[in-house]
Amino acid sequence: MSNRNYRARRMLVALAMLATIVTLDPAGAAAADQAKVPIKDFMYQSTSLTVKSGTTVTWTNNDDEPHTVISDTGAFRSSALDTNETFSYKFDKPGVYPYHCSIHPRMVATIVVE
């Protein structure tokens, strides 16, 4: 196996492991129709987040570099978010919504709407 394939496989395993982590803001736990995804250390801190239909998800950039939140299917698209800026989207339809940062393509995550 080439070194490149080995690194790619390791990255996929790491992403699969991270996909099992769901981080909700404790203050948002009382509001079932809201969820927060911090952006920190060039990662969406919730790489896989499951929410109910009707939930508004808010991303906040906590890095010193700009980031975007871009749906892979075109459902939503933020502009470049500077430090402490936010982007929100209300998920009205059940489904799986993969997304990424257009500036840093290795930043990927998924919202699952039930």
N, C-alpha and C. Protein backbone atom coordinates (compact mmCIF):
# COMPACT_ATOMS: atom_id res chain seq x y z
N MET A 1 0.86 -1.17 0.00
CA MET A 1 0.00 0.00 0.00
C MET A 1 0.90 1.23 0.00
N SER A 2 0.62 2.19 -0.87
CA SER A 2 1.45 3.39 -0.92
C SER A 2 1.23 4.24 0.32
N ASN A 3 2.19 5.09 0.59
CA ASN A 3 2.12 5.98 1.75
C ASN A 3 0.90 6.89 1.64
N ARG A 4 0.60 7.34 0.44
CA ARG A 4 -0.56 8.22 0.23
C ARG A 4 -1.87 7.50 0.55
N ASN A 5 -1.99 6.25 0.06
CA ASN A 5 -3.19 5.47 0.35
C ASN A 5 -3.31 5.17 1.83
N TYR A 6 -2.19 4.88 2.48
CA TYR A 6 -2.20 4.62 3.91
C TYR A 6 -2.69 5.84 4.67
N ARG A 7 -2.18 7.03 4.32
CA ARG A 7 -2.62 8.25 4.99
C ARG A 7 -4.09 8.53 4.72
N ALA A 8 -4.54 8.30 3.51
CA ALA A 8 -5.95 8.52 3.17
C ALA A 8 -6.84 7.57 3.97
N ARG A 9 -6.42 6.33 4.09
CA ARG A 9 -7.20 5.36 4.85
C ARG A 9 -7.23 5.74 6.33
N ARG A 10 -6.10 6.19 6.87
CA ARG A 10 -6.06 6.63 8.27
C ARG A 10 -6.98 7.82 8.48
N MET A 11 -7.01 8.75 7.52
CA MET A 11 -7.89 9.92 7.61
C MET A 11 -9.35 9.49 7.62
N LEU A 12 -9.71 8.54 6.76
CA LEU A 12 -11.09 8.06 6.72
C LEU A 12 -11.48 7.38 8.03
N VAL A 13 -10.57 6.61 8.61
CA VAL A 13 -10.86 5.97 9.89
C VAL A 13 -11.05 7.02 10.97
N ALA A 14 -10.17 8.03 10.98
CA ALA A 14 -10.29 9.11 11.97
C ALA A 14 -11.61 9.85 11.81
N LEU A 15 -11.99 10.14 10.58
CA LEU A 15 -13.26 10.83 10.34
C LEU A 15 -14.44 9.97 10.77
N ALA A 16 -14.38 8.69 10.52
CA ALA A 16 -15.46 7.80 10.95
C ALA A 16 -15.58 7.78 12.47
N MET A 17 -14.43 7.80 13.15
CA MET A 17 -14.47 7.82 14.60
C MET A 17 -15.04 9.14 15.11
N LEU A 18 -14.64 10.24 14.47
CA LEU A 18 -15.15 11.54 14.89
C LEU A 18 -16.64 11.69 14.60
N ALA A 19 -17.12 10.99 13.58
CA ALA A 19 -18.53 11.09 13.22
C ALA A 19 -19.45 10.58 14.32
N THR A 20 -18.89 9.83 15.26
CA THR A 20 -19.72 9.33 16.35
C THR A 20 -19.87 10.34 17.48
N ILE A 21 -19.12 11.43 17.40
CA ILE A 21 -19.16 12.45 18.45
C ILE A 21 -20.20 13.50 18.09
N VAL A 22 -21.08 13.79 19.01
CA VAL A 22 -22.07 14.84 18.80
C VAL A 22 -21.93 15.83 19.95
N THR A 23 -21.70 17.10 19.59
CA THR A 23 -21.52 18.12 20.61
C THR A 23 -22.64 19.13 20.51
N LEU A 24 -23.40 19.27 21.58
CA LEU A 24 -24.44 20.28 21.66
C LEU A 24 -24.05 21.29 22.71
N ASP A 25 -24.36 22.55 22.48
CA ASP A 25 -24.12 23.57 23.48
C ASP A 25 -25.04 23.30 24.67
N PRO A 26 -24.51 23.24 25.91
CA PRO A 26 -25.36 22.95 27.07
C PRO A 26 -26.51 23.93 27.22
N ALA A 27 -26.29 25.19 26.90
CA ALA A 27 -27.36 26.17 27.02
C ALA A 27 -28.46 25.90 26.00
N GLY A 28 -28.10 25.29 24.87
CA GLY A 28 -29.09 25.00 23.83
C GLY A 28 -29.86 23.72 24.09
N ALA A 29 -29.46 22.96 25.11
CA ALA A 29 -30.13 21.69 25.38
C ALA A 29 -31.60 21.91 25.73
N ALA A 30 -31.91 23.02 26.37
CA ALA A 30 -33.30 23.29 26.75
C ALA A 30 -34.14 23.66 25.53
N ALA A 31 -33.51 24.23 24.53
CA ALA A 31 -34.21 24.63 23.31
C ALA A 31 -34.01 23.54 22.27
N ALA A 32 -34.95 22.62 22.17
CA ALA A 32 -34.84 21.48 21.27
C ALA A 32 -34.84 21.89 19.80
N ASP A 33 -35.26 23.11 19.50
CA ASP A 33 -35.33 23.55 18.12
C ASP A 33 -34.10 24.35 17.71
N GLN A 34 -33.03 24.29 18.53
CA GLN A 34 -31.79 24.99 18.21
C GLN A 34 -30.60 24.10 18.55
N ALA A 35 -29.57 24.18 17.72
CA ALA A 35 -28.32 23.47 17.98
C ALA A 35 -27.18 24.36 17.53
N LYS A 36 -26.03 24.17 18.14
CA LYS A 36 -24.86 24.99 17.82
C LYS A 36 -23.70 24.10 17.41
N VAL A 37 -22.95 24.58 16.42
CA VAL A 37 -21.75 23.90 15.97
C VAL A 37 -20.60 24.91 16.01
N PRO A 38 -19.74 24.81 17.02
CA PRO A 38 -18.56 25.68 17.03
C PRO A 38 -17.57 25.25 15.95
N ILE A 39 -16.88 26.21 15.39
CA ILE A 39 -15.79 25.94 14.45
C ILE A 39 -14.52 26.33 15.17
N LYS A 40 -13.64 25.36 15.41
CA LYS A 40 -12.43 25.60 16.20
C LYS A 40 -11.33 24.66 15.73
N ASP A 41 -10.11 25.17 15.68
CA ASP A 41 -8.95 24.36 15.29
C ASP A 41 -9.13 23.73 13.91
N PHE A 42 -9.73 24.50 13.00
CA PHE A 42 -9.94 24.06 11.62
C PHE A 42 -10.78 22.78 11.56
N MET A 43 -11.78 22.70 12.45
CA MET A 43 -12.73 21.58 12.46
C MET A 43 -14.10 22.09 12.87
N TYR A 44 -15.14 21.48 12.29
CA TYR A 44 -16.48 21.66 12.83
C TYR A 44 -16.50 20.77 14.07
N GLN A 45 -16.79 21.32 15.23
CA GLN A 45 -16.66 20.57 16.47
C GLN A 45 -17.72 19.49 16.61
N SER A 46 -18.76 19.53 15.82
CA SER A 46 -19.72 18.43 15.70
C SER A 46 -19.62 17.92 14.27
N THR A 47 -18.87 16.83 14.08
CA THR A 47 -18.70 16.33 12.72
C THR A 47 -19.92 15.55 12.24
N SER A 48 -20.74 15.09 13.19
CA SER A 48 -22.00 14.45 12.86
C SER A 48 -23.01 14.85 13.93
N LEU A 49 -24.02 15.55 13.50
CA LEU A 49 -25.02 16.08 14.43
C LEU A 49 -26.40 15.63 13.98
N THR A 50 -27.17 15.02 14.88
CA THR A 50 -28.53 14.59 14.58
C THR A 50 -29.50 15.53 15.27
N VAL A 51 -30.45 16.08 14.49
CA VAL A 51 -31.43 17.03 15.01
C VAL A 51 -32.82 16.64 14.51
N LYS A 52 -33.83 17.17 15.15
CA LYS A 52 -35.21 16.98 14.71
C LYS A 52 -35.53 17.98 13.60
N SER A 53 -36.47 17.62 12.74
CA SER A 53 -36.94 18.54 11.71
C SER A 53 -37.45 19.82 12.36
N GLY A 54 -37.12 20.96 11.79
CA GLY A 54 -37.51 22.24 12.35
C GLY A 54 -36.44 22.89 13.20
N THR A 55 -35.31 22.21 13.38
CA THR A 55 -34.22 22.74 14.19
C THR A 55 -33.39 23.74 13.40
N THR A 56 -33.03 24.83 14.05
CA THR A 56 -32.10 25.80 13.47
C THR A 56 -30.71 25.50 14.03
N VAL A 57 -29.78 25.28 13.13
CA VAL A 57 -28.40 25.03 13.52
C VAL A 57 -27.61 26.31 13.27
N THR A 58 -26.81 26.71 14.26
CA THR A 58 -25.98 27.91 14.15
C THR A 58 -24.52 27.52 14.30
N TRP A 59 -23.72 27.88 13.30
CA TRP A 59 -22.28 27.68 13.31
C TRP A 59 -21.62 28.97 13.75
N THR A 60 -20.60 28.89 14.60
CA THR A 60 -19.84 30.06 15.04
C THR A 60 -18.37 29.80 14.79
N ASN A 61 -17.72 30.72 14.08
CA ASN A 61 -16.29 30.59 13.81
C ASN A 61 -15.49 31.09 15.01
N ASN A 62 -14.82 30.18 15.70
CA ASN A 62 -13.98 30.52 16.83
C ASN A 62 -12.49 30.50 16.48
N ASP A 63 -12.18 30.41 15.20
CA ASP A 63 -10.79 30.44 14.73
C ASP A 63 -10.41 31.86 14.32
N ASP A 64 -9.12 32.08 14.15
CA ASP A 64 -8.63 33.38 13.68
C ASP A 64 -8.59 33.46 12.16
N GLU A 65 -8.96 32.38 11.49
CA GLU A 65 -9.02 32.33 10.03
C GLU A 65 -10.48 32.22 9.60
N PRO A 66 -10.83 32.73 8.41
CA PRO A 66 -12.21 32.62 7.94
C PRO A 66 -12.54 31.18 7.55
N HIS A 67 -13.82 30.84 7.68
CA HIS A 67 -14.34 29.53 7.27
C HIS A 67 -15.71 29.74 6.63
N THR A 68 -16.15 28.74 5.87
CA THR A 68 -17.49 28.76 5.29
C THR A 68 -18.23 27.50 5.72
N VAL A 69 -19.54 27.50 5.51
CA VAL A 69 -20.40 26.35 5.75
C VAL A 69 -21.19 26.15 4.46
N ILE A 70 -20.78 25.15 3.66
CA ILE A 70 -21.34 24.96 2.33
C ILE A 70 -21.94 23.56 2.22
N SER A 71 -23.23 23.48 1.95
CA SER A 71 -23.90 22.20 1.74
C SER A 71 -23.37 21.54 0.48
N ASP A 72 -23.09 20.24 0.56
CA ASP A 72 -22.64 19.50 -0.62
C ASP A 72 -23.75 19.37 -1.65
N THR A 73 -25.02 19.53 -1.22
CA THR A 73 -26.16 19.37 -2.13
C THR A 73 -26.77 20.71 -2.54
N GLY A 74 -26.20 21.82 -2.07
CA GLY A 74 -26.72 23.13 -2.43
C GLY A 74 -27.84 23.62 -1.54
N ALA A 75 -28.14 22.93 -0.45
CA ALA A 75 -29.25 23.33 0.42
C ALA A 75 -28.98 24.63 1.16
N PHE A 76 -27.73 24.90 1.52
CA PHE A 76 -27.38 26.13 2.24
C PHE A 76 -25.95 26.52 1.91
N ARG A 77 -25.65 27.80 2.12
CA ARG A 77 -24.32 28.31 1.79
C ARG A 77 -24.07 29.59 2.57
N SER A 78 -23.03 29.58 3.39
CA SER A 78 -22.67 30.81 4.10
C SER A 78 -21.64 31.58 3.29
N SER A 79 -21.49 32.83 3.65
CA SER A 79 -20.35 33.59 3.15
C SER A 79 -19.17 33.24 4.04
N ALA A 80 -18.01 33.80 3.79
CA ALA A 80 -16.85 33.57 4.66
C ALA A 80 -17.15 34.17 6.03
N LEU A 81 -16.99 33.35 7.06
CA LEU A 81 -17.25 33.78 8.43
C LEU A 81 -15.92 34.17 9.08
N ASP A 82 -15.80 35.41 9.51
CA ASP A 82 -14.62 35.83 10.24
C ASP A 82 -14.77 35.41 11.70
N THR A 83 -13.76 35.67 12.50
CA THR A 83 -13.76 35.30 13.92
C THR A 83 -15.02 35.81 14.61
N ASN A 84 -15.70 34.91 15.33
CA ASN A 84 -16.92 35.17 16.10
C ASN A 84 -18.16 35.43 15.25
N GLU A 85 -18.08 35.34 13.95
CA GLU A 85 -19.28 35.49 13.13
C GLU A 85 -20.03 34.16 13.08
N THR A 86 -21.34 34.25 12.83
CA THR A 86 -22.20 33.07 12.83
C THR A 86 -22.95 32.94 11.51
N PHE A 87 -23.43 31.72 11.28
CA PHE A 87 -24.32 31.41 10.17
C PHE A 87 -25.35 30.43 10.70
N SER A 88 -26.63 30.65 10.38
CA SER A 88 -27.70 29.77 10.84
C SER A 88 -28.52 29.27 9.66
N TYR A 89 -29.02 28.04 9.81
CA TYR A 89 -29.89 27.46 8.81
C TYR A 89 -30.92 26.59 9.52
N LYS A 90 -32.19 26.73 9.11
CA LYS A 90 -33.27 25.93 9.68
C LYS A 90 -33.49 24.70 8.81
N PHE A 91 -33.39 23.52 9.41
CA PHE A 91 -33.56 22.26 8.71
C PHE A 91 -35.01 21.81 8.84
N ASP A 92 -35.79 22.00 7.77
CA ASP A 92 -37.21 21.68 7.79
C ASP A 92 -37.55 20.29 7.27
N LYS A 93 -36.63 19.70 6.50
CA LYS A 93 -36.92 18.40 5.89
C LYS A 93 -35.96 17.33 6.39
N PRO A 94 -36.50 16.15 6.72
CA PRO A 94 -35.62 15.04 7.13
C PRO A 94 -34.65 14.69 6.00
N GLY A 95 -33.48 14.24 6.38
CA GLY A 95 -32.48 13.83 5.41
C GLY A 95 -31.08 13.94 5.98
N VAL A 96 -30.12 13.66 5.13
CA VAL A 96 -28.71 13.74 5.49
C VAL A 96 -28.10 14.90 4.70
N TYR A 97 -27.44 15.81 5.40
CA TYR A 97 -26.91 17.03 4.81
C TYR A 97 -25.40 17.13 5.06
N PRO A 98 -24.60 16.56 4.15
CA PRO A 98 -23.15 16.72 4.29
C PRO A 98 -22.76 18.15 3.89
N TYR A 99 -21.72 18.67 4.55
CA TYR A 99 -21.25 20.03 4.23
C TYR A 99 -19.75 20.13 4.45
N HIS A 100 -19.18 21.23 3.98
CA HIS A 100 -17.73 21.42 4.04
C HIS A 100 -17.40 22.91 4.08
N CYS A 101 -16.13 23.20 4.29
CA CYS A 101 -15.61 24.57 4.20
C CYS A 101 -14.96 24.71 2.83
N SER A 102 -15.40 25.67 2.04
CA SER A 102 -14.84 25.84 0.70
C SER A 102 -13.41 26.37 0.74
N ILE A 103 -13.01 26.98 1.85
CA ILE A 103 -11.65 27.50 1.99
C ILE A 103 -10.70 26.40 2.43
N HIS A 104 -11.19 25.49 3.26
CA HIS A 104 -10.39 24.39 3.81
C HIS A 104 -11.14 23.08 3.55
N PRO A 105 -11.01 22.49 2.35
CA PRO A 105 -11.82 21.34 1.94
C PRO A 105 -11.72 20.11 2.84
N ARG A 106 -10.72 20.03 3.69
CA ARG A 106 -10.63 18.88 4.60
C ARG A 106 -11.60 19.00 5.76
N MET A 107 -12.17 20.19 5.93
CA MET A 107 -13.18 20.40 6.98
C MET A 107 -14.51 19.90 6.44
N VAL A 108 -14.97 18.78 6.96
CA VAL A 108 -16.23 18.17 6.51
C VAL A 108 -17.05 17.73 7.72
N ALA A 109 -18.35 17.72 7.55
CA ALA A 109 -19.26 17.28 8.62
C ALA A 109 -20.61 16.95 8.00
N THR A 110 -21.52 16.47 8.85
CA THR A 110 -22.85 16.07 8.38
C THR A 110 -23.90 16.43 9.42
N ILE A 111 -25.04 16.91 8.94
CA ILE A 111 -26.22 17.10 9.77
C ILE A 111 -27.23 16.04 9.34
N VAL A 112 -27.76 15.28 10.31
CA VAL A 112 -28.80 14.28 10.03
C VAL A 112 -30.08 14.84 10.64
N VAL A 113 -31.10 14.99 9.81
CA VAL A 113 -32.39 15.54 10.27
C VAL A 113 -33.41 14.41 10.29
N GLU A 114 -34.00 14.20 11.49
CA GLU A 114 -35.00 13.13 11.64
C GLU A 114 -36.40 13.69 11.51
